[in-house]
């Protein structure tokens, strides 16, 4: 089941480039359980770990959530993950790193809007939660299948 996880508070002024200070405010809107500092936040939302990281020198932002241990995946699941990355994962994707399967979203930091952050954080959460089920990040399936 896909649900809308986050809602955005209305902006008080015209959009400005995203930075760690603005991102810190957004991170704290979606979770009361936040650890870390500007550039690296660890959150817990509905029992799921979510990491938000930035690299201001390279204008990058990443949202990610651990999904499963790589050693527990079989060949059929690898194929299903690749299929999901093409159609049902949308902006979030499945990825492997250091023996862990992750749900991950990356974007240029300065160009990121508040709405995109909220939407993609929700997609990362949904994709992680839907592993071994629908393998989807939203109700939309790219290509309509």
N, C-alpha and C. Protein backbone atom coordinates (compact mmCIF):
# COMPACT_ATOMS: atom_id res chain seq x y z
N UNK A 1 0.84 -1.18 0.00
CA UNK A 1 0.00 0.00 0.00
C UNK A 1 0.88 1.24 0.00
N UNK A 2 0.56 2.20 -0.85
CA UNK A 2 1.30 3.44 -0.95
C UNK A 2 0.49 4.52 -0.24
N UNK A 3 1.17 5.29 0.58
CA UNK A 3 0.47 6.39 1.25
C UNK A 3 1.32 7.64 1.20
N UNK A 4 0.68 8.77 1.30
CA UNK A 4 1.39 10.03 1.37
C UNK A 4 1.92 10.15 2.80
N UNK A 5 3.23 10.27 2.93
CA UNK A 5 3.86 10.25 4.25
C UNK A 5 4.07 11.65 4.80
N UNK A 6 4.42 12.59 3.93
CA UNK A 6 4.79 13.92 4.40
C UNK A 6 3.91 14.98 3.76
N UNK A 7 3.67 16.05 4.48
CA UNK A 7 3.02 17.23 3.92
C UNK A 7 3.93 18.41 4.19
N UNK A 8 3.95 19.33 3.27
CA UNK A 8 4.83 20.48 3.33
C UNK A 8 4.11 21.68 3.90
N UNK A 9 4.77 22.36 4.83
CA UNK A 9 4.23 23.62 5.34
C UNK A 9 4.43 24.68 4.27
N UNK A 10 3.48 25.58 4.09
CA UNK A 10 3.61 26.61 3.05
C UNK A 10 4.85 27.48 3.27
N UNK A 11 5.51 27.81 2.16
CA UNK A 11 6.69 28.68 2.23
C UNK A 11 6.27 30.11 2.51
N UNK A 12 7.08 30.81 3.30
CA UNK A 12 6.78 32.19 3.66
C UNK A 12 7.23 33.17 2.58
N UNK A 13 8.16 32.74 1.71
CA UNK A 13 8.69 33.65 0.68
C UNK A 13 9.02 32.86 -0.58
N UNK A 14 9.53 33.59 -1.58
CA UNK A 14 9.90 32.97 -2.84
C UNK A 14 11.02 31.95 -2.64
N UNK A 15 11.03 30.91 -3.47
CA UNK A 15 12.06 29.88 -3.33
C UNK A 15 13.46 30.43 -3.51
N UNK A 16 14.36 29.90 -2.71
CA UNK A 16 15.78 30.23 -2.83
C UNK A 16 16.52 28.91 -2.97
N UNK A 17 17.77 28.95 -3.42
CA UNK A 17 18.50 27.68 -3.58
C UNK A 17 18.54 26.89 -2.26
N UNK A 18 18.40 25.57 -2.40
CA UNK A 18 18.47 24.70 -1.23
C UNK A 18 19.88 24.73 -0.66
N UNK A 19 19.95 24.69 0.66
CA UNK A 19 21.24 24.61 1.35
C UNK A 19 21.03 23.77 2.61
N UNK A 20 22.10 23.55 3.36
CA UNK A 20 21.99 22.72 4.55
C UNK A 20 21.06 23.30 5.61
N UNK A 21 20.99 24.61 5.74
CA UNK A 21 20.10 25.21 6.72
C UNK A 21 18.64 24.96 6.38
N UNK A 22 18.27 25.16 5.11
CA UNK A 22 16.89 24.89 4.68
C UNK A 22 16.58 23.41 4.78
N UNK A 23 17.55 22.59 4.40
CA UNK A 23 17.34 21.15 4.45
C UNK A 23 17.17 20.68 5.89
N UNK A 24 17.90 21.29 6.81
CA UNK A 24 17.75 20.95 8.22
C UNK A 24 16.31 21.21 8.69
N UNK A 25 15.74 22.32 8.27
CA UNK A 25 14.34 22.63 8.62
C UNK A 25 13.39 21.58 8.07
N UNK A 26 13.61 21.17 6.82
CA UNK A 26 12.75 20.17 6.20
C UNK A 26 12.89 18.81 6.89
N UNK A 27 14.11 18.43 7.19
CA UNK A 27 14.35 17.17 7.88
C UNK A 27 13.60 17.15 9.20
N UNK A 28 13.62 18.24 9.91
CA UNK A 28 12.96 18.31 11.22
C UNK A 28 11.44 18.42 11.11
N UNK A 29 10.94 18.76 9.91
CA UNK A 29 9.49 18.73 9.68
C UNK A 29 8.99 17.31 9.53
N UNK A 30 9.82 16.41 9.00
CA UNK A 30 9.34 15.05 8.73
C UNK A 30 9.65 14.06 9.85
N UNK A 31 10.49 14.47 10.81
CA UNK A 31 10.78 13.55 11.92
C UNK A 31 11.12 14.32 13.19
N UNK A 32 10.62 13.80 14.29
CA UNK A 32 10.99 14.34 15.60
C UNK A 32 12.24 13.65 16.14
N UNK A 33 12.61 12.53 15.52
CA UNK A 33 13.76 11.73 15.94
C UNK A 33 14.90 11.94 14.94
N UNK A 34 15.65 13.03 15.13
CA UNK A 34 16.73 13.41 14.21
C UNK A 34 18.04 13.48 14.98
N UNK A 35 19.05 12.84 14.44
CA UNK A 35 20.40 12.94 14.98
C UNK A 35 21.31 13.41 13.87
N UNK A 36 22.48 13.93 14.24
CA UNK A 36 23.44 14.38 13.26
C UNK A 36 23.51 15.89 13.22
N UNK A 37 24.06 16.38 12.14
CA UNK A 37 24.26 17.82 11.98
C UNK A 37 24.12 18.19 10.52
N UNK A 38 24.22 19.46 10.22
CA UNK A 38 24.07 19.93 8.85
C UNK A 38 24.99 19.15 7.92
N UNK A 39 24.39 18.55 6.91
CA UNK A 39 25.14 17.76 5.95
C UNK A 39 25.01 16.27 6.15
N UNK A 40 24.60 15.84 7.36
CA UNK A 40 24.41 14.41 7.63
C UNK A 40 23.40 14.24 8.75
N UNK A 41 22.22 13.76 8.37
CA UNK A 41 21.15 13.56 9.35
C UNK A 41 20.74 12.10 9.35
N UNK A 42 20.48 11.57 10.53
CA UNK A 42 19.90 10.24 10.70
C UNK A 42 18.53 10.44 11.31
N UNK A 43 17.51 9.91 10.64
CA UNK A 43 16.13 10.07 11.09
C UNK A 43 15.50 8.70 11.30
N UNK A 44 14.49 8.69 12.09
CA UNK A 44 13.66 7.49 12.22
C UNK A 44 12.23 7.94 11.97
N UNK A 45 11.57 7.29 11.00
CA UNK A 45 10.20 7.62 10.64
C UNK A 45 9.42 6.31 10.55
N UNK A 46 8.37 6.21 11.35
CA UNK A 46 7.53 5.01 11.36
C UNK A 46 8.38 3.75 11.50
N UNK A 47 9.41 3.82 12.34
CA UNK A 47 10.27 2.67 12.60
C UNK A 47 11.34 2.42 11.57
N UNK A 48 11.40 3.22 10.52
CA UNK A 48 12.39 3.03 9.45
C UNK A 48 13.48 4.08 9.56
N UNK A 49 14.74 3.65 9.39
CA UNK A 49 15.88 4.57 9.36
C UNK A 49 15.94 5.25 8.01
N UNK A 50 16.21 6.55 8.05
CA UNK A 50 16.38 7.35 6.84
C UNK A 50 17.61 8.21 7.04
N UNK A 51 18.49 8.24 6.07
CA UNK A 51 19.69 9.07 6.11
C UNK A 51 19.57 10.14 5.04
N UNK A 52 19.97 11.35 5.39
CA UNK A 52 20.02 12.46 4.44
C UNK A 52 21.43 13.02 4.50
N UNK A 53 22.10 13.07 3.35
CA UNK A 53 23.48 13.55 3.30
C UNK A 53 23.64 14.57 2.18
N UNK A 54 24.50 15.54 2.42
CA UNK A 54 24.80 16.51 1.38
C UNK A 54 26.31 16.63 1.19
N UNK A 55 26.67 17.06 0.00
CA UNK A 55 28.05 17.41 -0.33
C UNK A 55 27.95 18.77 -1.03
N UNK A 56 28.11 19.84 -0.25
CA UNK A 56 27.93 21.18 -0.80
C UNK A 56 29.01 21.52 -1.83
N UNK A 57 30.21 20.98 -1.67
CA UNK A 57 31.29 21.25 -2.63
C UNK A 57 30.97 20.71 -4.01
N UNK A 58 30.18 19.64 -4.07
CA UNK A 58 29.82 19.04 -5.35
C UNK A 58 28.33 19.17 -5.67
N UNK A 59 27.61 19.98 -4.86
CA UNK A 59 26.20 20.27 -5.11
C UNK A 59 25.35 19.00 -5.21
N UNK A 60 25.51 18.11 -4.23
CA UNK A 60 24.76 16.85 -4.24
C UNK A 60 24.02 16.63 -2.93
N UNK A 61 22.89 15.93 -3.02
CA UNK A 61 22.11 15.55 -1.86
C UNK A 61 21.65 14.11 -2.09
N UNK A 62 21.66 13.32 -1.01
CA UNK A 62 21.22 11.93 -1.10
C UNK A 62 20.31 11.62 0.09
N UNK A 63 19.21 10.93 -0.20
CA UNK A 63 18.31 10.39 0.82
C UNK A 63 18.37 8.88 0.65
N UNK A 64 18.52 8.13 1.75
CA UNK A 64 18.60 6.68 1.62
C UNK A 64 18.10 5.97 2.86
N UNK A 65 17.65 4.74 2.65
CA UNK A 65 17.15 3.91 3.74
C UNK A 65 17.61 2.47 3.51
N UNK A 66 18.14 1.81 4.55
CA UNK A 66 18.54 0.41 4.37
C UNK A 66 17.31 -0.48 4.19
N UNK A 67 17.44 -1.48 3.31
CA UNK A 67 16.32 -2.35 2.98
C UNK A 67 16.57 -3.79 3.43
N UNK A 68 17.72 -4.36 3.04
CA UNK A 68 18.00 -5.77 3.33
C UNK A 68 19.50 -6.03 3.26
N UNK A 69 19.91 -7.15 3.82
CA UNK A 69 21.29 -7.59 3.68
C UNK A 69 21.47 -8.21 2.30
N UNK A 70 22.54 -7.84 1.61
CA UNK A 70 22.80 -8.35 0.28
C UNK A 70 22.89 -9.87 0.27
N UNK A 71 23.44 -10.45 1.31
CA UNK A 71 23.61 -11.91 1.36
C UNK A 71 22.27 -12.66 1.37
N UNK A 72 21.20 -11.96 1.71
CA UNK A 72 19.88 -12.58 1.75
C UNK A 72 19.13 -12.52 0.42
N UNK A 73 19.72 -11.85 -0.59
CA UNK A 73 19.07 -11.71 -1.89
C UNK A 73 19.39 -12.89 -2.78
N UNK A 74 18.40 -13.33 -3.56
CA UNK A 74 18.64 -14.39 -4.53
C UNK A 74 18.60 -13.81 -5.94
N UNK A 75 18.91 -14.64 -6.93
CA UNK A 75 18.99 -14.17 -8.31
C UNK A 75 17.68 -13.56 -8.81
N UNK A 76 16.56 -14.18 -8.47
CA UNK A 76 15.26 -13.67 -8.90
C UNK A 76 15.01 -12.27 -8.32
N UNK A 77 15.44 -12.04 -7.07
CA UNK A 77 15.25 -10.71 -6.47
C UNK A 77 16.13 -9.67 -7.16
N UNK A 78 17.35 -10.04 -7.53
CA UNK A 78 18.20 -9.10 -8.27
C UNK A 78 17.53 -8.67 -9.57
N UNK A 79 16.95 -9.63 -10.28
CA UNK A 79 16.26 -9.31 -11.52
C UNK A 79 15.06 -8.41 -11.24
N UNK A 80 14.30 -8.71 -10.20
CA UNK A 80 13.13 -7.90 -9.86
C UNK A 80 13.53 -6.48 -9.46
N UNK A 81 14.66 -6.34 -8.77
CA UNK A 81 15.16 -5.00 -8.39
C UNK A 81 15.50 -4.18 -9.62
N UNK A 82 16.14 -4.80 -10.60
CA UNK A 82 16.48 -4.08 -11.83
C UNK A 82 15.22 -3.69 -12.59
N UNK A 83 14.23 -4.57 -12.62
CA UNK A 83 12.97 -4.24 -13.28
C UNK A 83 12.28 -3.09 -12.56
N UNK A 84 12.32 -3.11 -11.24
CA UNK A 84 11.70 -2.02 -10.46
C UNK A 84 12.41 -0.70 -10.74
N UNK A 85 13.73 -0.72 -10.82
CA UNK A 85 14.47 0.52 -11.09
C UNK A 85 14.06 1.12 -12.43
N UNK A 86 13.62 0.30 -13.35
CA UNK A 86 13.19 0.79 -14.66
C UNK A 86 11.77 1.32 -14.66
N UNK A 87 10.87 0.71 -13.87
CA UNK A 87 9.47 1.08 -13.99
C UNK A 87 8.77 1.55 -12.74
N UNK A 88 8.92 0.85 -11.63
CA UNK A 88 8.10 1.17 -10.46
C UNK A 88 8.82 1.94 -9.36
N UNK A 89 10.14 2.06 -9.45
CA UNK A 89 10.87 2.78 -8.42
C UNK A 89 10.82 4.30 -8.62
N UNK A 90 10.55 4.75 -9.82
CA UNK A 90 10.47 6.17 -10.18
C UNK A 90 11.75 6.92 -9.85
N UNK A 91 11.69 7.96 -9.00
CA UNK A 91 12.87 8.79 -8.72
C UNK A 91 13.81 8.13 -7.72
N UNK A 92 13.28 7.33 -6.82
CA UNK A 92 14.12 6.55 -5.91
C UNK A 92 14.56 5.29 -6.65
N UNK A 93 15.66 4.71 -6.23
CA UNK A 93 16.18 3.49 -6.86
C UNK A 93 16.69 2.55 -5.80
N UNK A 94 16.76 1.26 -6.15
CA UNK A 94 17.45 0.29 -5.31
C UNK A 94 18.92 0.32 -5.67
N UNK A 95 19.79 0.18 -4.67
CA UNK A 95 21.23 0.19 -4.89
C UNK A 95 21.92 -0.67 -3.83
N UNK A 96 23.08 -1.20 -4.18
CA UNK A 96 23.89 -1.98 -3.25
C UNK A 96 25.11 -1.18 -2.83
N UNK A 97 25.43 -1.27 -1.53
CA UNK A 97 26.63 -0.62 -1.01
C UNK A 97 27.05 -1.34 0.26
N UNK A 98 28.29 -1.81 0.31
CA UNK A 98 28.86 -2.44 1.49
C UNK A 98 27.98 -3.54 2.08
N UNK A 99 27.44 -4.41 1.22
CA UNK A 99 26.67 -5.55 1.68
C UNK A 99 25.24 -5.24 2.08
N UNK A 100 24.76 -4.03 1.78
CA UNK A 100 23.40 -3.65 2.13
C UNK A 100 22.66 -3.20 0.88
N UNK A 101 21.40 -3.63 0.76
CA UNK A 101 20.50 -3.11 -0.27
C UNK A 101 19.85 -1.86 0.30
N UNK A 102 19.89 -0.77 -0.47
CA UNK A 102 19.35 0.52 -0.05
C UNK A 102 18.26 0.97 -1.01
N UNK A 103 17.38 1.78 -0.50
CA UNK A 103 16.49 2.60 -1.31
C UNK A 103 17.13 3.98 -1.29
N UNK A 104 17.37 4.58 -2.46
CA UNK A 104 18.17 5.81 -2.50
C UNK A 104 17.64 6.78 -3.56
N UNK A 105 17.80 8.06 -3.27
CA UNK A 105 17.47 9.14 -4.19
C UNK A 105 18.60 10.14 -4.14
N UNK A 106 19.08 10.59 -5.30
CA UNK A 106 20.11 11.62 -5.36
C UNK A 106 19.63 12.77 -6.23
N UNK A 107 20.13 13.98 -5.93
CA UNK A 107 19.68 15.17 -6.66
C UNK A 107 20.70 16.28 -6.45
N UNK A 108 20.85 17.21 -7.40
CA UNK A 108 21.66 18.40 -7.13
C UNK A 108 21.06 19.17 -5.96
N UNK A 109 21.88 19.54 -5.01
CA UNK A 109 21.39 20.17 -3.77
C UNK A 109 20.75 21.53 -4.03
N UNK A 110 21.44 22.43 -4.69
CA UNK A 110 20.94 23.80 -4.84
C UNK A 110 19.64 23.86 -5.63
N UNK A 111 19.44 22.95 -6.57
CA UNK A 111 18.26 22.95 -7.41
C UNK A 111 17.08 22.21 -6.78
N UNK A 112 17.29 21.55 -5.67
CA UNK A 112 16.24 20.79 -4.99
C UNK A 112 15.20 21.73 -4.40
N UNK A 113 13.94 21.45 -4.67
CA UNK A 113 12.87 22.25 -4.06
C UNK A 113 12.36 21.56 -2.80
N UNK A 114 11.67 22.31 -1.98
CA UNK A 114 11.07 21.73 -0.77
C UNK A 114 10.14 20.58 -1.15
N UNK A 115 9.32 20.79 -2.17
CA UNK A 115 8.37 19.78 -2.60
C UNK A 115 9.07 18.52 -3.09
N UNK A 116 10.15 18.69 -3.85
CA UNK A 116 10.91 17.53 -4.33
C UNK A 116 11.49 16.75 -3.16
N UNK A 117 12.03 17.45 -2.17
CA UNK A 117 12.59 16.76 -1.02
C UNK A 117 11.52 15.92 -0.34
N UNK A 118 10.36 16.51 -0.08
CA UNK A 118 9.29 15.79 0.61
C UNK A 118 8.83 14.59 -0.23
N UNK A 119 8.64 14.80 -1.52
CA UNK A 119 8.19 13.73 -2.39
C UNK A 119 9.21 12.61 -2.46
N UNK A 120 10.46 12.95 -2.62
CA UNK A 120 11.48 11.91 -2.78
C UNK A 120 11.81 11.22 -1.47
N UNK A 121 11.70 11.90 -0.34
CA UNK A 121 11.85 11.22 0.95
C UNK A 121 10.73 10.19 1.09
N UNK A 122 9.52 10.55 0.69
CA UNK A 122 8.40 9.60 0.73
C UNK A 122 8.64 8.44 -0.23
N UNK A 123 9.17 8.72 -1.43
CA UNK A 123 9.45 7.65 -2.38
C UNK A 123 10.50 6.68 -1.83
N UNK A 124 11.53 7.21 -1.18
CA UNK A 124 12.57 6.35 -0.59
C UNK A 124 11.95 5.45 0.48
N UNK A 125 11.12 6.03 1.33
CA UNK A 125 10.44 5.25 2.37
C UNK A 125 9.53 4.19 1.75
N UNK A 126 8.71 4.58 0.78
CA UNK A 126 7.79 3.63 0.15
C UNK A 126 8.55 2.51 -0.56
N UNK A 127 9.61 2.85 -1.27
CA UNK A 127 10.38 1.84 -2.00
C UNK A 127 10.99 0.84 -1.02
N UNK A 128 11.53 1.33 0.08
CA UNK A 128 12.08 0.42 1.10
C UNK A 128 10.99 -0.45 1.70
N UNK A 129 9.86 0.15 2.03
CA UNK A 129 8.76 -0.60 2.63
C UNK A 129 8.14 -1.62 1.67
N UNK A 130 8.23 -1.37 0.37
CA UNK A 130 7.59 -2.24 -0.62
C UNK A 130 8.53 -3.27 -1.23
N UNK A 131 9.73 -3.40 -0.67
CA UNK A 131 10.64 -4.45 -1.10
C UNK A 131 9.97 -5.81 -0.86
N UNK A 132 10.09 -6.70 -1.84
CA UNK A 132 9.50 -8.04 -1.78
C UNK A 132 7.97 -8.00 -1.87
N UNK A 133 7.44 -6.86 -2.25
CA UNK A 133 6.00 -6.73 -2.47
C UNK A 133 5.78 -6.15 -3.85
N UNK A 134 5.35 -4.89 -3.90
CA UNK A 134 5.12 -4.23 -5.19
C UNK A 134 6.40 -3.61 -5.77
N UNK A 135 7.46 -3.49 -4.97
CA UNK A 135 8.71 -2.88 -5.41
C UNK A 135 8.46 -1.49 -6.01
N UNK A 136 7.55 -0.75 -5.41
CA UNK A 136 7.20 0.55 -5.98
C UNK A 136 7.38 1.66 -4.96
N UNK A 137 7.60 2.87 -5.49
CA UNK A 137 7.80 4.03 -4.63
C UNK A 137 6.56 4.94 -4.59
N UNK A 138 5.59 4.65 -5.45
CA UNK A 138 4.34 5.43 -5.48
C UNK A 138 3.29 4.61 -6.20
N UNK A 139 2.15 5.19 -6.42
CA UNK A 139 1.10 4.48 -7.17
C UNK A 139 1.33 4.53 -8.67
N UNK A 140 2.26 5.36 -9.12
CA UNK A 140 2.57 5.48 -10.54
C UNK A 140 3.58 4.42 -10.95
N UNK A 141 3.33 3.77 -12.06
CA UNK A 141 4.28 2.84 -12.66
C UNK A 141 4.68 3.42 -14.00
N UNK A 142 5.96 3.74 -14.17
CA UNK A 142 6.43 4.34 -15.42
C UNK A 142 6.21 3.36 -16.55
N UNK A 143 5.56 3.80 -17.61
CA UNK A 143 5.24 2.94 -18.72
C UNK A 143 3.89 2.27 -18.58
N UNK A 144 3.24 2.44 -17.42
CA UNK A 144 1.88 1.99 -17.22
C UNK A 144 1.66 0.52 -16.94
N UNK A 145 2.74 -0.29 -16.76
CA UNK A 145 2.54 -1.72 -16.49
C UNK A 145 2.33 -1.96 -15.01
